[in-house]
Amino acid sequence: MKKQLVNPPNFPKPRGYTNGVVCGPGRMLYVAGQVAFDKEARIVSPDFATQFLLALDNVIDVVRAAGGGSEHLVKLLAFVTDLDKYRAAQKAIGEGWRSRMGTYWPAMSLVKVAGLLEPGALVEIEGTAILPLDGASTAPPQGESR
């Protein structure tokens, strides 16, 4: 899959995101909002950075289950309940980001919300990935029958 990062020269240089991504060819995967759940559907920690990075891990796990990797994510949308906590955690989030994503920054948005559905959740992240065509399987996706 080819990706062309789009950052218009008349825009300020983006920090931590890309303004646009042109992709193709490939299979499009939409990842539902993920929170910092463990296998028992429990929020793992009250720490903001820990929640952010586990929510990101959960998004990446969905992409991997569909046959892709973190490099196939082209758009992320993060919902946070507290911008001050996000700002205070940016260094830890950045370090964790680099260990998961390297220096790749997809198109991203971050939105402050009054609350999230899951009690104790401070962050929810949804994503869009373009998976390679050659990774297409004849088996039905997990959780789906023919």
C-alpha atoms as a PDB file:
ATOM      1  CA  MET A   1       0.000   0.000   0.000  1.00  0.00           C
ATOM      2  CA  LYS A   2       1.231   3.446  -0.859  1.00  0.00           C
ATOM      3  CA  LYS A   3       0.755   6.356   1.521  1.00  0.00           C
ATOM      4  CA  GLN A   4       1.340   9.974   0.653  1.00  0.00           C
ATOM      5  CA  LEU A   5       1.454  12.316   3.633  1.00  0.00           C
ATOM      6  CA  VAL A   6      -0.172  15.659   2.822  1.00  0.00           C
ATOM      7  CA  ASN A   7       1.014  18.773   4.660  1.00  0.00           C
ATOM      8  CA  PRO A   8       0.373  21.948   2.644  1.00  0.00           C
ATOM      9  CA  PRO A   9       3.426  24.229   2.552  1.00  0.00           C
ATOM     10  CA  ASN A  10       1.360  27.224   3.665  1.00  0.00           C
ATOM     11  CA  PHE A  11       0.296  25.419   6.898  1.00  0.00           C
ATOM     12  CA  PRO A  12       2.314  25.449  10.114  1.00  0.00           C
ATOM     13  CA  LYS A  13       4.498  22.331  10.457  1.00  0.00           C
ATOM     14  CA  PRO A  14       2.365  19.680  12.197  1.00  0.00           C
ATOM     15  CA  ARG A  15       3.603  18.306  15.526  1.00  0.00           C
ATOM     16  CA  GLY A  16       2.328  14.857  16.393  1.00  0.00           C
ATOM     17  CA  TYR A  17       0.036  14.367  13.400  1.00  0.00           C
ATOM     18  CA  THR A  18      -0.228  14.665   9.616  1.00  0.00           C
ATOM     19  CA  ASN A  19      -2.847  16.915   7.994  1.00  0.00           C
ATOM     20  CA  GLY A  20      -3.876  14.315   5.433  1.00  0.00           C
ATOM     21  CA  VAL A  21      -2.999  10.874   4.074  1.00  0.00           C
ATOM     22  CA  VAL A  22      -3.692   9.640   0.533  1.00  0.00           C
ATOM     23  CA  CYS A  23      -3.785   5.821   0.473  1.00  0.00           C
ATOM     24  CA  GLY A  24      -4.282   2.955  -1.874  1.00  0.00           C
ATOM     25  CA  PRO A  25      -4.767   0.379  -3.028  1.00  0.00           C
ATOM     26  CA  GLY A  26      -5.951  -1.581  -0.036  1.00  0.00           C
ATOM     27  CA  ARG A  27      -8.743  -2.797   2.205  1.00  0.00           C
ATOM     28  CA  MET A  28     -10.279  -0.218   4.548  1.00  0.00           C
ATOM     29  CA  LEU A  29     -10.697  -1.105   8.229  1.00  0.00           C
ATOM     30  CA  TYR A  30     -12.681   1.063  10.628  1.00  0.00           C
ATOM     31  CA  VAL A  31     -11.711   0.462  14.267  1.00  0.00           C
ATOM     32  CA  ALA A  32     -14.368   1.195  16.895  1.00  0.00           C
ATOM     33  CA  GLY A  33     -13.466   3.372  19.850  1.00  0.00           C
ATOM     34  CA  GLN A  34     -11.099   1.551  22.193  1.00  0.00           C
ATOM     35  CA  VAL A  35     -10.540   2.330  25.858  1.00  0.00           C
ATOM     36  CA  ALA A  36      -7.880   1.054  28.283  1.00  0.00           C
ATOM     37  CA  PHE A  37      -9.599  -2.293  28.875  1.00  0.00           C
ATOM     38  CA  ASP A  38      -7.764  -5.459  29.827  1.00  0.00           C
ATOM     39  CA  LYS A  39      -9.034  -8.936  28.838  1.00  0.00           C
ATOM     40  CA  GLU A  40     -11.670  -8.813  31.598  1.00  0.00           C
ATOM     41  CA  ALA A  41     -13.046  -5.466  30.340  1.00  0.00           C
ATOM     42  CA  ARG A  42     -11.596  -3.560  33.302  1.00  0.00           C
ATOM     43  CA  ILE A  43      -9.971  -0.136  33.034  1.00  0.00           C
ATOM     44  CA  VAL A  44      -6.320  -0.872  33.864  1.00  0.00           C
ATOM     45  CA  SER A  45      -5.285   2.316  35.659  1.00  0.00           C
ATOM     46  CA  PRO A  46      -6.448   5.806  36.621  1.00  0.00           C
ATOM     47  CA  ASP A  47      -3.222   7.184  35.063  1.00  0.00           C
ATOM     48  CA  PHE A  48      -3.881   9.211  31.910  1.00  0.00           C
ATOM     49  CA  ALA A  49      -0.761   8.192  29.936  1.00  0.00           C
ATOM     50  CA  THR A  50      -1.298   4.520  30.789  1.00  0.00           C
ATOM     51  CA  GLN A  51      -4.902   4.714  29.576  1.00  0.00           C
ATOM     52  CA  PHE A  52      -3.945   6.561  26.379  1.00  0.00           C
ATOM     53  CA  LEU A  53      -1.265   4.032  25.459  1.00  0.00           C
ATOM     54  CA  LEU A  54      -3.388   0.971  26.249  1.00  0.00           C
ATOM     55  CA  ALA A  55      -6.255   2.403  24.184  1.00  0.00           C
ATOM     56  CA  LEU A  56      -3.733   2.848  21.336  1.00  0.00           C
ATOM     57  CA  ASP A  57      -2.493  -0.731  21.885  1.00  0.00           C
ATOM     58  CA  ASN A  58      -6.072  -1.971  21.637  1.00  0.00           C
ATOM     59  CA  VAL A  59      -6.558  -0.117  18.332  1.00  0.00           C
ATOM     60  CA  ILE A  60      -3.321  -1.647  17.019  1.00  0.00           C
ATOM     61  CA  ASP A  61      -4.458  -5.115  18.199  1.00  0.00           C
ATOM     62  CA  VAL A  62      -7.644  -4.799  16.118  1.00  0.00           C
ATOM     63  CA  VAL A  63      -5.568  -3.807  13.072  1.00  0.00           C
ATOM     64  CA  ARG A  64      -3.256  -6.801  13.632  1.00  0.00           C
ATOM     65  CA  ALA A  65      -6.258  -9.145  13.999  1.00  0.00           C
ATOM     66  CA  ALA A  66      -7.369  -7.952  10.547  1.00  0.00           C
ATOM     67  CA  GLY A  67      -3.960  -8.676   9.004  1.00  0.00           C
ATOM     68  CA  GLY A  68      -2.252  -5.288   9.304  1.00  0.00           C
ATOM     69  CA  GLY A  69       0.141  -3.421  11.551  1.00  0.00           C
ATOM     70  CA  SER A  70       0.494  -0.005  13.127  1.00  0.00           C
ATOM     71  CA  GLU A  71       1.991   1.290   9.881  1.00  0.00           C
ATOM     72  CA  HIS A  72      -1.395   0.756   8.204  1.00  0.00           C
ATOM     73  CA  LEU A  73      -3.227   3.220  10.468  1.00  0.00           C
ATOM     74  CA  VAL A  74      -4.065   6.336   8.456  1.00  0.00           C
ATOM     75  CA  LYS A  75      -6.443   8.182  10.825  1.00  0.00           C
ATOM     76  CA  LEU A  76      -6.894   8.279  14.599  1.00  0.00           C
ATOM     77  CA  LEU A  77      -9.507  10.156  16.590  1.00  0.00           C
ATOM     78  CA  ALA A  78      -8.932  10.449  20.347  1.00  0.00           C
ATOM     79  CA  PHE A  79     -11.594  11.518  22.802  1.00  0.00           C
ATOM     80  CA  VAL A  80     -10.256  12.733  26.156  1.00  0.00           C
ATOM     81  CA  THR A  81     -12.089  13.852  29.273  1.00  0.00           C
ATOM     82  CA  ASP A  82      -9.396  16.224  30.556  1.00  0.00           C
ATOM     83  CA  LEU A  83      -7.131  18.368  28.354  1.00  0.00           C
ATOM     84  CA  ASP A  84      -4.917  19.357  31.302  1.00  0.00           C
ATOM     85  CA  LYS A  85      -4.200  15.690  32.057  1.00  0.00           C
ATOM     86  CA  TYR A  86      -3.482  15.113  28.363  1.00  0.00           C
ATOM     87  CA  ARG A  87      -1.033  18.019  28.256  1.00  0.00           C
ATOM     88  CA  ALA A  88       0.664  16.878  31.464  1.00  0.00           C
ATOM     89  CA  ALA A  89       1.073  13.363  30.038  1.00  0.00           C
ATOM     90  CA  GLN A  90       2.376  14.361  26.590  1.00  0.00           C
ATOM     91  CA  LYS A  91       5.995  13.380  27.304  1.00  0.00           C
ATOM     92  CA  ALA A  92       5.045   9.880  28.507  1.00  0.00           C
ATOM     93  CA  ILE A  93       2.548   9.512  25.646  1.00  0.00           C
ATOM     94  CA  GLY A  94       5.221  10.592  23.138  1.00  0.00           C
ATOM     95  CA  GLU A  95       7.718   8.038  24.449  1.00  0.00           C
ATOM     96  CA  GLY A  96       5.075   5.303  24.366  1.00  0.00           C
ATOM     97  CA  TRP A  97       3.960   6.410  20.902  1.00  0.00           C
ATOM     98  CA  ARG A  98       7.488   6.075  19.495  1.00  0.00           C
ATOM     99  CA  SER A  99       7.833   2.559  20.930  1.00  0.00           C
ATOM    100  CA  ARG A 100       4.615   1.543  19.138  1.00  0.00           C
ATOM    101  CA  MET A 101       4.522   3.704  16.006  1.00  0.00           C
ATOM    102  CA  GLY A 102       8.105   4.884  15.492  1.00  0.00           C
ATOM    103  CA  THR A 103       8.175   8.306  13.890  1.00  0.00           C
ATOM    104  CA  TYR A 104       5.007   7.736  11.848  1.00  0.00           C
ATOM    105  CA  TRP A 105       2.156  10.171  12.573  1.00  0.00           C
ATOM    106  CA  PRO A 106      -1.158   9.457  10.805  1.00  0.00           C
ATOM    107  CA  ALA A 107      -3.847  12.082  10.364  1.00  0.00           C
ATOM    108  CA  MET A 108      -5.160  12.668  13.884  1.00  0.00           C
ATOM    109  CA  SER A 109      -7.678  14.658  15.862  1.00  0.00           C
ATOM    110  CA  LEU A 110      -8.152  14.974  19.610  1.00  0.00           C
ATOM    111  CA  VAL A 111     -11.463  16.102  21.085  1.00  0.00           C
ATOM    112  CA  LYS A 112     -12.342  16.947  24.689  1.00  0.00           C
ATOM    113  CA  VAL A 113     -15.582  15.329  25.795  1.00  0.00           C
ATOM    114  CA  ALA A 114     -17.653  15.648  28.974  1.00  0.00           C
ATOM    115  CA  GLY A 115     -17.462  11.918  29.602  1.00  0.00           C
ATOM    116  CA  LEU A 116     -17.120   8.457  28.088  1.00  0.00           C
ATOM    117  CA  LEU A 117     -19.461   5.474  28.276  1.00  0.00           C
ATOM    118  CA  GLU A 118     -17.134   3.280  30.340  1.00  0.00           C
ATOM    119  CA  PRO A 119     -16.836   4.331  34.012  1.00  0.00           C
ATOM    120  CA  GLY A 120     -13.276   5.394  34.784  1.00  0.00           C
ATOM    121  CA  ALA A 121     -12.258   5.787  31.137  1.00  0.00           C
ATOM    122  CA  LEU A 122     -10.303   8.978  30.470  1.00  0.00           C
ATOM    123  CA  VAL A 123      -9.432   8.234  26.821  1.00  0.00           C
ATOM    124  CA  GLU A 124     -11.102   6.528  23.874  1.00  0.00           C
ATOM    125  CA  ILE A 125      -9.373   6.143  20.505  1.00  0.00           C
ATOM    126  CA  GLU A 126     -10.886   5.061  17.196  1.00  0.00           C
ATOM    127  CA  GLY A 127      -8.995   4.517  13.986  1.00  0.00           C
ATOM    128  CA  THR A 128      -9.024   3.897  10.275  1.00  0.00           C
ATOM    129  CA  ALA A 129      -6.492   1.628   8.593  1.00  0.00           C
ATOM    130  CA  ILE A 130      -5.812   0.733   4.982  1.00  0.00           C
ATOM    131  CA  LEU A 131      -4.723  -2.903   4.908  1.00  0.00           C
ATOM    132  CA  PRO A 132      -2.698  -4.380   2.059  1.00  0.00           C
ATOM    133  CA  LEU A 133      -4.580  -6.212  -0.658  1.00  0.00           C
ATOM    134  CA  ASP A 134      -2.102  -9.090  -0.519  1.00  0.00           C
ATOM    135  CA  GLY A 135      -3.093  -9.691   3.110  1.00  0.00           C
ATOM    136  CA  ALA A 136      -6.653 -10.460   2.048  1.00  0.00           C
ATOM    137  CA  SER A 137      -7.817 -13.797   3.373  1.00  0.00           C
ATOM    138  CA  THR A 138     -10.466 -16.154   2.097  1.00  0.00           C
ATOM    139  CA  ALA A 139     -11.422 -16.890   5.704  1.00  0.00           C
ATOM    140  CA  PRO A 140     -14.163 -14.735   7.226  1.00  0.00           C
ATOM    141  CA  PRO A 141     -12.967 -12.014   9.621  1.00  0.00           C
ATOM    142  CA  GLN A 142     -12.877 -12.916  13.315  1.00  0.00           C
ATOM    143  CA  GLY A 143     -16.328 -12.976  14.818  1.00  0.00           C
ATOM    144  CA  GLU A 144     -18.106 -13.365  11.466  1.00  0.00           C
ATOM    145  CA  SER A 145     -19.452 -16.460   9.811  1.00  0.00           C
ATOM    146  CA  ARG A 146     -20.031 -17.199   6.151  1.00  0.00           C
END
